[in-house]
N, C-alpha and C. Protein backbone atom coordinates (compact mmCIF):
# COMPACT_ATOMS: atom_id res chain seq x y z
N MET A 1 -12.56 10.08 -3.58
CA MET A 1 -12.76 11.77 -3.43
C MET A 1 -11.51 12.62 -4.08
N ALA A 2 -10.37 11.92 -3.50
CA ALA A 2 -9.14 12.69 -3.83
C ALA A 2 -8.94 12.44 -5.55
N MET A 3 -9.00 11.24 -5.75
CA MET A 3 -8.88 10.86 -7.59
C MET A 3 -9.85 11.74 -8.08
N GLN A 4 -10.96 11.82 -7.73
CA GLN A 4 -11.84 12.80 -8.62
C GLN A 4 -11.60 14.12 -8.72
N ARG A 5 -10.88 14.79 -7.56
CA ARG A 5 -10.67 16.11 -7.55
C ARG A 5 -9.36 16.42 -8.13
N LEU A 6 -8.49 15.05 -8.22
CA LEU A 6 -7.12 15.36 -8.84
C LEU A 6 -7.32 15.35 -10.54
N GLY A 7 -8.71 14.24 -10.84
CA GLY A 7 -8.53 14.05 -12.12
C GLY A 7 -7.83 12.96 -12.62
N VAL A 8 -7.78 11.76 -11.81
CA VAL A 8 -6.88 10.73 -11.87
C VAL A 8 -7.51 9.33 -11.83
N LYS A 9 -6.99 8.35 -12.23
CA LYS A 9 -7.38 6.93 -12.27
C LYS A 9 -6.91 6.23 -11.34
N ALA A 10 -7.66 5.28 -10.81
CA ALA A 10 -6.78 4.34 -9.80
C ALA A 10 -5.78 3.65 -10.27
N SER A 11 -5.44 3.59 -11.71
CA SER A 11 -4.22 3.05 -12.10
C SER A 11 -3.20 3.79 -12.35
N ASP A 12 -3.52 4.77 -11.88
CA ASP A 12 -2.37 5.96 -12.08
C ASP A 12 -1.76 6.47 -10.50
N CYS A 13 -2.54 5.66 -9.62
CA CYS A 13 -2.10 5.77 -8.01
C CYS A 13 -1.58 5.12 -7.20
N LEU A 14 -1.07 5.24 -6.41
CA LEU A 14 -0.16 4.52 -5.36
C LEU A 14 -0.70 4.78 -3.79
N MET A 15 -1.35 3.72 -3.18
CA MET A 15 -1.43 3.80 -1.88
C MET A 15 -0.42 3.32 -0.98
N ILE A 16 0.23 4.19 -0.25
CA ILE A 16 1.28 4.00 0.91
C ILE A 16 0.62 4.02 2.37
N GLY A 17 0.56 2.64 2.87
CA GLY A 17 -0.02 2.55 4.06
C GLY A 17 0.73 1.84 5.22
N ASP A 18 0.55 1.90 6.39
CA ASP A 18 0.99 0.83 7.20
C ASP A 18 -0.11 0.05 8.09
N ARG A 19 -1.34 0.36 7.46
CA ARG A 19 -2.43 -0.30 7.94
C ARG A 19 -3.13 -1.49 7.15
N PRO A 20 -2.96 -2.72 6.92
CA PRO A 20 -3.20 -3.61 5.98
C PRO A 20 -4.91 -3.64 5.95
N ASP A 21 -5.49 -3.42 7.01
CA ASP A 21 -7.04 -3.57 7.33
C ASP A 21 -7.91 -2.54 6.57
N THR A 22 -6.84 -1.34 6.56
CA THR A 22 -7.98 -0.23 6.07
C THR A 22 -7.21 0.50 4.76
N ASP A 23 -5.92 0.65 5.13
CA ASP A 23 -5.09 1.43 4.25
C ASP A 23 -5.30 0.52 2.58
N ILE A 24 -4.63 -0.85 3.02
CA ILE A 24 -4.27 -1.60 1.81
C ILE A 24 -5.47 -2.41 1.16
N ILE A 25 -6.37 -2.99 2.17
CA ILE A 25 -7.54 -3.38 1.65
C ILE A 25 -8.45 -2.63 0.76
N GLY A 26 -8.52 -1.07 1.43
CA GLY A 26 -9.33 -0.19 0.76
C GLY A 26 -9.13 0.09 -0.68
N ALA A 27 -7.58 0.40 -0.61
CA ALA A 27 -7.04 0.62 -1.97
C ALA A 27 -7.32 -0.63 -3.16
N GLN A 28 -7.00 -1.42 -2.56
CA GLN A 28 -7.14 -2.80 -4.02
C GLN A 28 -8.50 -2.96 -4.00
N LYS A 29 -9.38 -2.70 -2.93
CA LYS A 29 -10.98 -2.58 -3.87
C LYS A 29 -11.22 -1.65 -4.98
N LEU A 30 -10.29 -0.42 -4.90
CA LEU A 30 -10.39 0.59 -5.79
C LEU A 30 -9.79 0.29 -6.92
N GLY A 31 -8.80 -0.69 -6.99
CA GLY A 31 -8.03 -1.33 -8.15
C GLY A 31 -6.79 -0.19 -8.12
N ILE A 32 -6.38 0.43 -6.81
CA ILE A 32 -5.32 0.87 -6.68
C ILE A 32 -4.04 0.32 -6.32
N LYS A 33 -2.86 0.39 -6.91
CA LYS A 33 -1.50 -0.18 -6.52
C LYS A 33 -1.32 0.13 -5.05
N THR A 34 -0.76 -0.97 -4.10
CA THR A 34 -0.51 -0.63 -2.95
C THR A 34 1.29 -1.00 -2.50
N ALA A 35 1.37 -0.52 -1.46
CA ALA A 35 2.46 -0.10 -0.67
C ALA A 35 2.48 -0.33 0.84
N LEU A 36 2.60 -1.71 1.29
CA LEU A 36 2.60 -2.03 2.94
C LEU A 36 3.67 -1.53 3.35
N VAL A 37 3.88 -0.31 4.00
CA VAL A 37 5.27 -0.07 5.34
C VAL A 37 4.72 -0.54 6.59
N ARG A 38 5.78 -1.49 6.82
CA ARG A 38 5.58 -2.53 8.13
C ARG A 38 6.13 -1.50 9.31
N THR A 39 5.59 -0.12 9.61
CA THR A 39 5.61 0.34 10.70
C THR A 39 4.72 0.56 11.46
N GLY A 40 3.81 0.08 11.21
CA GLY A 40 2.31 0.08 11.89
C GLY A 40 1.81 -0.88 12.96
N ARG A 41 0.65 -1.36 12.51
CA ARG A 41 0.20 -2.43 13.11
C ARG A 41 0.81 -3.64 12.63
N LEU A 42 1.32 -4.04 11.51
CA LEU A 42 1.99 -5.39 11.19
C LEU A 42 3.51 -5.08 11.15
N ALA A 43 4.11 -5.56 12.03
CA ALA A 43 5.62 -5.52 12.16
C ALA A 43 6.20 -6.23 11.03
N PRO A 44 7.58 -6.20 10.77
CA PRO A 44 8.26 -6.63 9.76
C PRO A 44 8.21 -8.27 10.37
N GLY A 45 8.22 -9.50 9.45
CA GLY A 45 8.26 -10.70 9.33
C GLY A 45 7.01 -11.15 9.91
N VAL A 46 5.87 -10.67 10.20
CA VAL A 46 4.52 -11.00 10.81
C VAL A 46 3.71 -11.31 9.67
N ALA A 47 3.04 -12.45 9.65
CA ALA A 47 2.37 -12.98 8.14
C ALA A 47 1.11 -11.96 8.10
N LEU A 48 0.73 -11.79 6.84
CA LEU A 48 -0.42 -11.17 6.39
C LEU A 48 -1.62 -11.69 6.86
N PRO A 49 -2.60 -11.28 7.43
CA PRO A 49 -3.96 -12.49 7.38
C PRO A 49 -4.23 -12.94 6.12
N LEU A 50 -4.79 -14.45 6.17
CA LEU A 50 -5.19 -15.25 5.25
C LEU A 50 -5.82 -14.72 4.29
N SER A 51 -6.85 -14.09 4.59
CA SER A 51 -7.89 -13.51 3.93
C SER A 51 -7.89 -12.40 2.77
N MET A 52 -6.46 -11.73 3.12
CA MET A 52 -6.02 -10.62 2.59
C MET A 52 -4.95 -11.17 1.50
N GLN A 53 -5.46 -10.03 0.38
CA GLN A 53 -4.59 -10.02 -0.97
C GLN A 53 -3.08 -9.15 -0.71
N GLU A 54 -1.99 -9.95 -1.29
CA GLU A 54 -0.84 -9.58 -1.12
C GLU A 54 -0.79 -7.92 -1.48
N PRO A 55 -0.02 -7.09 -0.71
CA PRO A 55 0.10 -5.54 -1.40
C PRO A 55 1.35 -5.89 -2.67
N ASP A 56 1.12 -4.50 -3.53
CA ASP A 56 2.00 -5.02 -4.68
C ASP A 56 3.71 -4.88 -4.07
N TRP A 57 3.61 -3.98 -3.17
CA TRP A 57 4.97 -3.90 -2.54
C TRP A 57 4.78 -4.06 -1.00
N ASP A 58 5.87 -4.69 -0.29
CA ASP A 58 5.57 -5.02 1.32
C ASP A 58 7.20 -4.70 1.79
N VAL A 59 7.09 -3.59 2.26
CA VAL A 59 8.74 -2.75 3.01
C VAL A 59 8.34 -2.62 4.21
N ASN A 60 9.60 -2.74 4.66
CA ASN A 60 10.06 -2.43 6.16
C ASN A 60 10.07 -1.01 6.76
N SER A 61 10.40 -0.26 5.67
CA SER A 61 10.43 1.27 5.90
C SER A 61 10.08 2.24 4.47
N LEU A 62 9.99 3.71 5.13
CA LEU A 62 9.75 4.34 3.92
C LEU A 62 11.29 4.39 2.93
N PRO A 63 12.16 4.60 3.43
CA PRO A 63 13.51 4.71 2.74
C PRO A 63 13.70 3.57 1.67
N GLU A 64 13.16 2.21 2.35
CA GLU A 64 13.22 1.07 1.40
C GLU A 64 12.27 1.14 0.31
N LEU A 65 11.11 1.82 0.62
CA LEU A 65 10.00 2.09 -0.75
C LEU A 65 10.82 3.20 -1.62
N GLN A 66 11.39 3.94 -1.03
CA GLN A 66 11.82 5.11 -1.70
C GLN A 66 13.08 4.57 -2.67
N ARG A 67 13.65 3.71 -2.02
CA ARG A 67 15.08 3.03 -2.94
C ARG A 67 14.39 2.15 -4.06
N LEU A 68 13.29 1.58 -3.64
CA LEU A 68 12.39 0.75 -4.86
C LEU A 68 12.05 1.89 -5.78
N PHE A 69 11.97 3.07 -5.83
CA PHE A 69 11.55 3.96 -6.59
C PHE A 69 12.41 4.98 -7.42
N SER A 70 13.72 4.83 -6.75
CA SER A 70 14.53 5.57 -7.38
C SER A 70 15.32 4.99 -8.49
N TRP A 71 15.23 5.90 -9.71
CA TRP A 71 15.95 5.13 -10.57
C TRP A 71 17.31 6.09 -10.98
């Protein structure tokens, strides 16, 4: 709904979330790039569920993610 309201495509979006079972998987199903921030259900160093596709970025904090996107 947000993409439709903003008039953007999935390929123009990035989902940043801390819940792999909802935030990441849901975005991946829509074709949105994903960044898992390990501040929620999945702590740093904990393996992703085997059934889950890897996120595009997997970081331990929002500042770490911000550094990746700072040019």
